Amino acid sequence: MNTRLALIMRTPISSIVRKQLRTLFGAFICATILTGYASSATAKNDADATKVYQMVYSATLDPMTGQAHASVALKQHRQLVRSIEFVMPKDRYLNIRPISRIEINGDRVIWKPLKKGDTLHFDFVIDHQRSNQKMDARITTTWALLKLDHLFPSATSRVVKGATSKTTLTLNAPTQWSIETPYGGGAGRIFEVDNTHRNFDAPRGWIIAGELGVRRENKDGRHITVAAPLGSGLQANDVLAFLRWTMPSLVELFPNTPQRLLIVSGSQDMWRGGLSGVGSLYLHSDRPLISGNRTSPLLHELFHVVSGLHSKVGADWIIEGLAEYYSLTLLLRSDGISKVRYNQSFEWLAQWSADTPCIATDRSTGKQTARSALIMRALDAEIRSETGGKASLDTLVHKLVQANEDLTNSSFRAAVMDITGAPMRAIASCP
C-alpha cells in the first residue's frame, strides 16, 4: 500500500495535488488564526463593555420655588461604582436623599449607591450672589440662568479600575420655556455628555431657559448660539457679526475649538462682567465687544473657553494675562484693529499698571491682569528671539493646552525653558 502511494506521489499529477493540499492546509491555518484573533477581540470588547456604567443627570427648573429639582441616577449591571463624593454646600443643596445611603460631613456628601444602581435626589437653590452682591445665577417667573457645574456639583468617585461612564443629561422647565445648553437646545431632550479628559463625566457649562431671544450662526464648522431673556438688551446680532470676523483667527490658534459655543446674558441687574464655562460663557449685555483700551471682553472669555487652561494657587495671573494678551492679538490677526492701535493699547496698559508689580495671585483682575498681558507680549518677543523665529507664545500656549494640567508658576517656567533652553527675562521678576 505504501509503495503504491509513493508511486502515485511521484507522478506529475501528484505535484498538483500536493500544491492544492498545501493551499488548503494554509487556508485552514489562516482561518484558525483569524478566528482566534476575532474571538480574542470579541472577548476584549465584551470585557470592556462590562466596565461601562451609566450616569443619568436630570433636573426640572421650578420658578415657583426658585429651585431646580435634580437627580443623579446610576445604572450598572455590577458594582463598578463603590462611592461618589460630592461637594454640596448646605445653603444651596437641600433635601438630599435617600438618607440611608449617604454620609454628610459638612459640605461633603458621600453617596454609596446600591450594587445594581441607585438614584440620588436633591433640590438646588438657583439664585446666587457674588461678593459684590450682584447675582451670577438667577431664576424668575420667565427665565433662569445658571451653570451646570453648580447645579450638579463637583465629585470624586471610587470605581473599579478601568471603568468608565456613559453620561446623559435631561432638563425640563415650564411648558412655554425653551432651554439652551452647551450640548444643544430643547426642553426634555436627552443630551450626551462626553469629557474626553475624564472617566467620570458630569454636565458642565452655562444653561439658560425661559422666554428667550435666540440667534444662531454657523462659522468655520462651529455652531454658535447667543441667547438672553427677551428685553434684556443684549445685541445678539452684533455678537454674531463680531464672531464672524474673529472666529477664523481663534480657530487657527485653537484648532480644537468646540463644535458648539453658547453665549448667554441675563438681566441688567446681574453681575456686570464675563464668566467662562465649558463650551459657553456669560457676558453682561452692557459689556462692550471692544473696550475703550481695545481689549475685547468677549475674546478674553472665549480664550478661557477654548483653551481650557486652569491654574493652581498663585498662578491665576498667567491665565488672565494670556487671555488679555490674546484678546488684543486676535483682534490684530483678524484685522479688527491696526498695528498702530495695537501698540497704543499696550502703551495704555503699561501706563495704567505702572505701579503694579507681577505677583502671585489666586484672582487676577484690573491692573494685575494688564501687567500680566504686558509680560506675555515681552515673553512672545523673547521666545521668537531665542528660537530664531521657530517658536512663539502660540507654541507655549499649545504646549500648555496639550499638557492638560493645572498651571503652576513653576510648571509655566519649566514649559518656557523647554522651548527656549534658557530662563526668560520677561518673567524674571514674577513668581
Protein backbone atom coordinates (compact mmCIF):
# COMPACT_ATOMS: atom_id res chain seq x y z
CA MET A 1 0.00 0.00 0.00
CA ASN A 2 2.78 2.40 0.92
CA THR A 3 4.67 1.54 -2.28
CA ARG A 4 1.63 2.25 -4.43
CA LEU A 5 1.13 5.62 -2.66
CA ALA A 6 4.75 6.54 -3.26
CA LEU A 7 4.39 5.77 -6.96
CA ILE A 8 1.30 7.93 -7.21
CA MET A 9 3.02 10.83 -5.42
CA ARG A 10 5.94 10.66 -7.89
CA THR A 11 3.66 11.15 -10.91
CA PRO A 12 3.25 14.68 -12.46
CA ILE A 13 -0.36 14.93 -11.39
CA SER A 14 0.59 14.24 -7.78
CA SER A 15 2.59 17.51 -7.66
CA ILE A 16 -0.60 19.43 -8.50
CA VAL A 17 -2.42 17.61 -5.76
CA ARG A 18 0.34 18.40 -3.30
CA LYS A 19 0.10 22.12 -4.13
CA GLN A 20 -3.65 22.05 -3.64
CA LEU A 21 -3.21 20.29 -0.31
CA ARG A 22 -0.67 22.86 0.79
CA THR A 23 -3.02 25.69 -0.24
CA LEU A 24 -5.94 24.13 1.59
CA PHE A 25 -3.79 23.47 4.66
CA GLY A 26 -2.52 27.09 4.63
CA ALA A 27 -6.04 28.45 4.32
CA PHE A 28 -7.11 26.27 7.22
CA ILE A 29 -4.30 27.58 9.40
CA CYS A 30 -5.05 31.24 8.48
CA ALA A 31 -8.74 30.76 9.18
CA THR A 32 -7.93 29.21 12.52
CA ILE A 33 -5.62 32.08 13.46
CA LEU A 34 -8.10 34.74 12.34
CA THR A 35 -10.88 33.03 14.24
CA GLY A 36 -8.67 33.05 17.30
CA TYR A 37 -7.95 36.77 16.88
CA ALA A 38 -11.65 37.51 16.34
CA SER A 39 -12.58 35.55 19.42
CA SER A 40 -9.91 37.35 21.40
CA ALA A 41 -11.10 40.78 20.15
CA THR A 42 -14.72 39.91 20.88
CA ALA A 43 -13.79 38.78 24.36
CA LYS A 44 -11.85 42.02 24.91
CA ASN A 45 -14.77 44.15 23.71
CA ASP A 46 -17.14 42.20 25.91
CA ALA A 47 -14.77 42.72 28.83
CA ASP A 48 -14.63 46.47 28.10
CA ALA A 49 -18.43 46.61 27.87
CA THR A 50 -18.69 45.14 31.36
CA LYS A 51 -16.81 48.16 32.71
CA VAL A 52 -19.19 50.81 31.40
CA TYR A 53 -21.76 52.31 33.77
CA GLN A 54 -24.44 54.90 33.04
CA MET A 55 -24.88 58.24 34.76
CA VAL A 56 -28.19 59.99 34.11
CA TYR A 57 -28.41 63.63 35.23
CA SER A 58 -31.86 65.21 35.33
CA ALA A 59 -33.31 68.48 36.61
CA THR A 60 -36.58 70.40 36.46
CA LEU A 61 -36.41 74.19 36.79
CA ASP A 62 -39.14 75.43 39.13
CA PRO A 63 -39.72 79.21 39.19
CA MET A 64 -42.37 78.84 41.92
CA THR A 65 -39.82 77.59 44.47
CA GLY A 66 -36.72 79.22 42.94
CA GLN A 67 -35.13 75.78 42.82
CA ALA A 68 -34.13 73.01 40.46
CA HIS A 69 -35.40 69.59 41.48
CA ALA A 70 -32.49 67.38 40.48
CA SER A 71 -31.40 63.78 40.44
CA VAL A 72 -28.30 61.77 39.61
CA ALA A 73 -29.08 58.19 38.60
CA LEU A 74 -26.50 55.41 38.37
CA LYS A 75 -27.17 52.34 36.24
CA GLN A 76 -24.75 49.42 36.40
CA HIS A 77 -25.02 45.66 35.89
CA ARG A 78 -22.47 45.03 38.65
CA GLN A 79 -20.85 47.18 41.31
CA LEU A 80 -18.40 49.25 39.29
CA VAL A 81 -19.02 52.40 41.33
CA ARG A 82 -18.34 51.98 45.04
CA SER A 83 -18.99 55.53 46.16
CA ILE A 84 -19.25 59.12 44.88
CA GLU A 85 -18.30 62.13 46.99
CA PHE A 86 -19.94 65.46 46.15
CA VAL A 87 -19.22 68.99 47.38
CA MET A 88 -22.71 70.26 48.30
CA PRO A 89 -22.82 73.43 50.47
CA LYS A 90 -25.86 73.37 52.72
CA ASP A 91 -27.10 76.80 51.67
CA ARG A 92 -27.73 75.65 48.08
CA TYR A 93 -28.33 71.89 48.23
CA LEU A 94 -31.44 70.87 50.12
CA ASN A 95 -33.37 67.66 50.86
CA ILE A 96 -30.58 65.31 49.81
CA ARG A 97 -31.89 61.74 49.76
CA PRO A 98 -32.06 58.78 50.28
CA ILE A 99 -30.69 59.40 53.75
CA SER A 100 -29.98 55.69 54.28
CA ARG A 101 -27.21 55.63 51.65
CA ILE A 102 -25.43 58.95 52.19
CA GLU A 103 -22.96 60.31 54.71
CA ILE A 104 -22.84 64.07 55.29
CA ASN A 105 -19.69 65.69 56.65
CA GLY A 106 -20.01 69.47 56.45
CA ASP A 107 -20.29 70.35 52.75
CA ARG A 108 -19.20 66.88 51.65
CA VAL A 109 -21.76 64.22 50.82
CA ILE A 110 -20.65 60.63 50.27
CA TRP A 111 -23.15 58.55 48.30
CA LYS A 112 -22.86 54.76 48.46
CA PRO A 113 -25.18 53.51 45.73
CA LEU A 114 -26.78 50.08 45.60
CA LYS A 115 -24.97 47.31 43.72
CA LYS A 116 -27.26 47.31 40.67
CA GLY A 117 -27.74 51.09 40.57
CA ASP A 118 -29.40 53.87 42.51
CA THR A 119 -30.68 57.46 42.32
CA LEU A 120 -29.64 60.46 44.40
CA HIS A 121 -32.23 63.24 44.70
CA PHE A 122 -31.78 66.84 45.88
CA ASP A 123 -33.13 70.38 45.46
CA PHE A 124 -30.83 73.16 44.31
CA VAL A 125 -31.27 76.88 45.15
CA ILE A 126 -30.63 78.73 41.89
CA ASP A 127 -30.25 82.40 42.93
CA HIS A 128 -26.65 83.24 43.88
CA GLN A 129 -24.87 86.49 44.77
CA ARG A 130 -21.19 87.24 44.37
CA SER A 131 -19.20 89.11 47.00
CA ASN A 132 -20.30 92.43 45.46
CA GLN A 133 -23.95 91.46 46.00
CA LYS A 134 -24.55 91.08 42.26
CA MET A 135 -26.12 87.85 41.00
CA ASP A 136 -24.32 85.39 38.73
CA ALA A 137 -27.21 82.89 38.78
CA ARG A 138 -30.91 83.69 38.85
CA ILE A 139 -34.40 82.36 38.27
CA THR A 140 -37.51 84.49 37.72
CA THR A 141 -41.06 83.75 36.63
CA THR A 142 -39.99 83.96 32.97
CA TRP A 143 -36.37 82.80 32.76
CA ALA A 144 -33.42 81.16 34.53
CA LEU A 145 -29.65 81.41 34.13
CA LEU A 146 -27.07 79.24 35.91
CA LYS A 147 -24.10 76.91 35.48
CA LEU A 148 -24.43 73.15 35.24
CA ASP A 149 -21.18 72.97 37.23
CA HIS A 150 -23.10 74.28 40.23
CA LEU A 151 -26.42 72.54 39.64
CA PHE A 152 -24.60 69.20 39.52
CA PRO A 153 -21.73 69.61 41.98
CA SER A 154 -18.13 68.54 41.54
CA ALA A 155 -17.45 64.98 42.60
CA THR A 156 -14.79 62.33 43.06
CA SER A 157 -15.62 58.66 42.64
CA ARG A 158 -14.30 55.29 43.75
CA VAL A 159 -14.73 52.91 40.83
CA VAL A 160 -13.34 49.60 39.58
CA LYS A 161 -10.07 50.13 37.71
CA GLY A 162 -10.72 50.78 34.03
CA ALA A 163 -14.41 51.55 34.48
CA THR A 164 -15.83 54.49 32.52
CA SER A 165 -19.14 56.31 32.43
CA LYS A 166 -21.65 56.94 29.69
CA THR A 167 -23.43 60.13 30.71
CA THR A 168 -26.65 61.81 29.63
CA LEU A 169 -28.44 64.99 30.66
CA THR A 170 -32.13 65.86 30.61
CA LEU A 171 -33.56 69.27 31.58
CA ASN A 172 -37.20 70.27 31.98
CA ALA A 173 -38.90 73.61 32.57
CA PRO A 174 -42.36 75.22 32.40
CA THR A 175 -44.18 74.41 29.17
CA GLN A 176 -43.66 77.79 27.47
CA TRP A 177 -39.91 77.90 28.21
CA SER A 178 -37.10 76.99 25.83
CA ILE A 179 -33.71 75.73 27.01
CA GLU A 180 -30.19 76.29 25.63
CA THR A 181 -27.11 74.35 26.80
CA PRO A 182 -23.54 73.77 25.53
CA TYR A 183 -24.81 70.37 24.34
CA GLY A 184 -27.71 71.74 22.29
CA GLY A 185 -31.17 73.15 22.85
CA GLY A 186 -34.57 71.83 23.76
CA ALA A 187 -36.51 71.01 26.91
CA GLY A 188 -36.90 67.31 27.63
CA ARG A 189 -34.16 66.30 25.19
CA ILE A 190 -31.57 63.74 26.17
CA PHE A 191 -28.08 65.19 25.68
CA GLU A 192 -24.93 63.08 25.61
CA VAL A 193 -22.17 64.38 27.87
CA ASP A 194 -18.64 63.43 26.91
CA ASN A 195 -15.49 64.77 28.53
CA THR A 196 -12.50 63.15 26.84
CA HIS A 197 -10.22 64.07 29.74
CA ARG A 198 -12.22 62.29 32.45
CA ASN A 199 -13.63 58.81 33.03
CA PHE A 200 -16.34 60.21 35.29
CA ASP A 201 -18.30 62.67 33.16
CA ALA A 202 -20.61 65.35 34.53
CA PRO A 203 -22.57 68.14 32.78
CA ARG A 204 -20.69 71.43 32.66
CA GLY A 205 -21.13 74.95 31.27
CA TRP A 206 -23.84 77.61 31.23
CA ILE A 207 -27.53 76.98 30.65
CA ILE A 208 -30.31 79.47 30.03
CA ALA A 209 -34.02 78.75 29.96
CA GLY A 210 -37.25 80.68 29.65
CA GLU A 211 -38.82 83.12 27.23
CA LEU A 212 -35.68 83.88 25.26
CA GLY A 213 -34.33 85.79 22.33
CA VAL A 214 -32.04 83.38 20.49
CA ARG A 215 -29.79 83.91 17.48
CA ARG A 216 -27.72 81.21 15.79
CA GLU A 217 -24.85 81.18 13.32
CA ASN A 218 -22.55 78.63 11.72
CA LYS A 219 -18.97 79.72 11.13
CA ASP A 220 -15.92 77.63 10.26
CA GLY A 221 -17.74 74.44 11.20
CA ARG A 222 -18.80 75.80 14.59
CA HIS A 223 -22.40 76.26 15.70
CA ILE A 224 -22.70 79.49 17.70
CA THR A 225 -25.78 80.29 19.80
CA VAL A 226 -26.41 83.63 21.52
CA ALA A 227 -29.32 83.65 23.98
CA ALA A 228 -30.75 86.06 26.55
CA PRO A 229 -34.10 86.81 28.19
CA LEU A 230 -36.44 88.82 26.00
CA GLY A 231 -35.89 92.55 26.59
CA SER A 232 -32.52 92.11 28.33
CA GLY A 233 -30.75 94.46 25.91
CA LEU A 234 -28.17 92.01 24.56
CA GLN A 235 -27.35 92.85 20.94
CA ALA A 236 -27.14 89.25 19.73
CA ASN A 237 -26.68 90.14 16.05
CA ASP A 238 -23.71 92.35 16.93
CA VAL A 239 -22.14 89.48 18.86
CA LEU A 240 -22.56 87.11 15.91
CA ALA A 241 -21.16 89.67 13.45
CA PHE A 242 -18.14 90.20 15.73
CA LEU A 243 -17.52 86.46 15.90
CA ARG A 244 -17.84 86.02 12.15
CA TRP A 245 -14.70 88.05 11.56
CA THR A 246 -12.71 86.94 14.64
CA MET A 247 -13.59 83.21 14.69
CA PRO A 248 -11.13 82.23 11.91
CA SER A 249 -8.22 83.65 13.93
CA LEU A 250 -9.48 81.92 17.08
CA VAL A 251 -9.78 78.55 15.31
CA GLU A 252 -6.33 78.99 13.77
CA LEU A 253 -4.90 79.43 17.27
CA PHE A 254 -7.04 76.64 18.73
CA PRO A 255 -7.96 74.05 16.07
CA ASN A 256 -9.83 72.09 18.77
CA THR A 257 -12.28 74.93 19.39
CA PRO A 258 -15.57 73.24 20.46
CA GLN A 259 -18.08 72.50 17.71
CA ARG A 260 -20.71 74.26 19.80
CA LEU A 261 -20.37 77.62 21.55
CA LEU A 262 -23.10 79.12 23.73
CA ILE A 263 -23.06 82.79 24.78
CA VAL A 264 -25.63 83.85 27.35
CA SER A 265 -26.65 87.00 29.18
CA GLY A 266 -29.17 87.94 31.85
CA SER A 267 -30.97 90.97 33.18
CA GLN A 268 -29.39 94.39 33.66
CA ASP A 269 -29.15 93.98 37.45
CA MET A 270 -26.93 90.90 37.23
CA TRP A 271 -23.14 90.87 37.61
CA ARG A 272 -21.63 93.25 35.05
CA GLY A 273 -18.80 91.13 33.78
CA GLY A 274 -17.90 87.96 31.90
CA LEU A 275 -17.58 84.39 33.13
CA SER A 276 -16.42 81.41 31.11
CA GLY A 277 -17.64 77.82 31.25
CA VAL A 278 -17.24 74.60 29.33
CA GLY A 279 -18.31 75.34 25.75
CA SER A 280 -20.05 78.51 26.91
CA LEU A 281 -19.71 81.92 28.52
CA TYR A 282 -21.74 84.60 30.28
CA LEU A 283 -21.39 88.24 29.23
CA HIS A 284 -23.39 91.12 30.65
CA SER A 285 -25.24 92.98 27.91
CA ASP A 286 -23.52 96.27 28.86
CA ARG A 287 -20.04 94.89 28.31
CA PRO A 288 -18.60 96.22 25.02
CA LEU A 289 -17.36 93.82 22.37
CA ILE A 290 -14.25 96.04 22.19
CA SER A 291 -13.49 98.21 25.19
CA GLY A 292 -12.00 101.72 25.28
CA ASN A 293 -8.45 100.34 25.54
CA ARG A 294 -9.28 97.99 22.60
CA THR A 295 -9.14 94.77 24.60
CA SER A 296 -12.17 92.56 24.00
CA PRO A 297 -14.12 91.16 26.98
CA LEU A 298 -15.75 88.63 24.63
CA LEU A 299 -12.47 87.38 23.17
CA HIS A 300 -10.97 87.34 26.68
CA GLU A 301 -13.66 84.93 27.88
CA LEU A 302 -13.53 82.92 24.65
CA PHE A 303 -9.81 82.35 25.26
CA HIS A 304 -10.72 80.75 28.59
CA VAL A 305 -13.44 78.63 26.95
CA VAL A 306 -11.41 77.25 24.05
CA SER A 307 -8.04 76.88 25.80
CA GLY A 308 -9.46 75.11 28.85
CA LEU A 309 -6.45 76.31 30.85
CA HIS A 310 -6.74 76.43 34.64
CA SER A 311 -4.32 77.36 37.38
CA LYS A 312 -3.41 76.28 40.87
CA VAL A 313 -2.67 78.52 43.84
CA GLY A 314 -0.91 81.75 42.91
CA ALA A 315 -0.86 81.27 39.13
CA ASP A 316 -4.08 82.99 38.05
CA TRP A 317 -2.02 85.92 36.73
CA ILE A 318 -0.73 83.59 34.00
CA ILE A 319 -4.16 82.54 32.75
CA GLU A 320 -5.62 86.05 32.92
CA GLY A 321 -2.54 87.62 31.34
CA LEU A 322 -2.72 85.20 28.41
CA ALA A 323 -6.45 85.85 27.95
CA GLU A 324 -5.96 89.63 27.96
CA TYR A 325 -2.97 89.46 25.61
CA TYR A 326 -4.86 87.32 23.10
CA SER A 327 -7.98 89.46 23.33
CA LEU A 328 -5.86 92.15 21.65
CA THR A 329 -3.76 89.88 19.45
CA LEU A 330 -6.76 88.06 17.95
CA LEU A 331 -8.23 91.44 17.01
CA LEU A 332 -4.98 92.33 15.27
CA ARG A 333 -4.79 88.98 13.45
CA SER A 334 -8.38 89.29 12.25
CA ASP A 335 -7.72 92.86 11.04
CA GLY A 336 -10.13 94.21 13.65
CA ILE A 337 -7.55 96.81 14.72
CA SER A 338 -4.43 98.18 13.06
CA LYS A 339 -0.86 97.53 14.27
CA VAL A 340 -0.64 101.18 15.33
CA ARG A 341 -3.71 100.91 17.57
CA TYR A 342 -2.49 97.52 18.81
CA ASN A 343 0.76 99.09 20.01
CA GLN A 344 -1.11 102.05 21.51
CA SER A 345 -3.24 99.64 23.55
CA PHE A 346 -0.18 98.08 25.16
CA GLU A 347 1.22 101.55 25.86
CA TRP A 348 -2.02 102.39 27.67
CA LEU A 349 -1.88 99.11 29.65
CA ALA A 350 1.71 99.92 30.64
CA GLN A 351 0.81 103.38 31.91
CA TRP A 352 -2.24 102.12 33.80
CA SER A 353 -0.37 99.31 35.56
CA ALA A 354 2.97 101.08 36.05
CA ASP A 355 2.70 100.89 39.85
CA THR A 356 1.65 97.22 39.86
CA PRO A 357 4.31 94.51 40.29
CA CYS A 358 3.92 90.96 38.98
CA ILE A 359 2.76 88.96 41.99
CA ALA A 360 1.35 85.53 42.69
CA THR A 361 -2.41 85.78 42.95
CA ASP A 362 -5.41 83.48 43.01
CA ARG A 363 -7.64 86.13 41.46
CA SER A 364 -6.03 88.44 38.94
CA THR A 365 -8.09 91.48 37.97
CA GLY A 366 -7.66 95.02 36.70
CA LYS A 367 -4.13 96.37 36.82
CA GLN A 368 -2.65 92.98 37.71
CA THR A 369 -4.14 91.44 34.56
CA ALA A 370 -2.92 94.40 32.48
CA ARG A 371 0.60 93.92 33.86
CA SER A 372 0.44 90.23 33.07
CA ALA A 373 -0.62 90.92 29.46
CA LEU A 374 2.49 93.09 29.04
CA ILE A 375 4.65 90.27 30.36
CA MET A 376 3.09 87.88 27.84
CA ARG A 377 3.89 90.25 24.99
CA ALA A 378 7.51 90.53 26.13
CA LEU A 379 7.64 86.76 26.52
CA ASP A 380 6.41 86.27 22.96
CA ALA A 381 9.22 88.53 21.67
CA GLU A 382 11.83 86.66 23.70
CA ILE A 383 10.68 83.21 22.60
CA ARG A 384 10.85 84.33 18.96
CA SER A 385 14.36 85.78 19.53
CA GLU A 386 15.72 82.74 21.42
CA THR A 387 14.40 80.26 18.84
CA GLY A 388 15.24 82.25 15.72
CA GLY A 389 11.55 82.69 14.96
CA LYS A 390 10.81 78.96 15.08
CA ALA A 391 8.54 79.33 18.14
CA SER A 392 6.35 81.97 19.75
CA LEU A 393 3.89 82.44 22.58
CA ASP A 394 1.46 80.41 20.44
CA THR A 395 3.87 77.47 20.75
CA LEU A 396 3.91 77.84 24.51
CA VAL A 397 0.12 78.01 24.73
CA HIS A 398 -0.26 74.88 22.59
CA LYS A 399 2.21 73.10 24.86
CA LEU A 400 0.29 74.10 27.98
CA VAL A 401 -3.06 73.03 26.47
CA GLN A 402 -1.69 69.64 25.41
CA ALA A 403 -0.28 69.02 28.90
CA ASN A 404 -3.86 69.23 30.23
CA GLU A 405 -2.71 70.04 33.76
CA ASP A 406 -3.50 72.88 36.13
CA LEU A 407 -0.79 75.51 35.73
CA THR A 408 1.61 76.48 38.49
CA ASN A 409 4.25 79.19 38.45
CA SER A 410 6.99 76.55 38.33
CA SER A 411 5.37 74.47 35.56
CA PHE A 412 4.95 77.64 33.48
CA ARG A 413 8.63 78.48 33.84
CA ALA A 414 9.56 74.89 33.01
CA ALA A 415 7.46 74.96 29.84
CA VAL A 416 9.19 78.18 28.72
CA MET A 417 12.65 76.70 29.32
CA ASP A 418 11.69 73.53 27.48
CA ILE A 419 11.03 75.63 24.36
CA THR A 420 13.95 78.06 24.59
CA GLY A 421 16.50 76.23 26.72
CA ALA A 422 17.00 79.27 28.95
CA PRO A 423 15.21 81.22 31.71
CA MET A 424 13.24 84.11 30.29
CA ARG A 425 13.92 87.72 31.24
CA ALA A 426 10.25 88.66 30.81
CA ILE A 427 9.23 86.63 33.84
CA ALA A 428 12.39 87.13 35.90
CA SER A 429 10.53 89.39 38.35
CA CYS A 430 7.44 87.16 38.50
CA PRO A 431 6.71 84.36 40.98
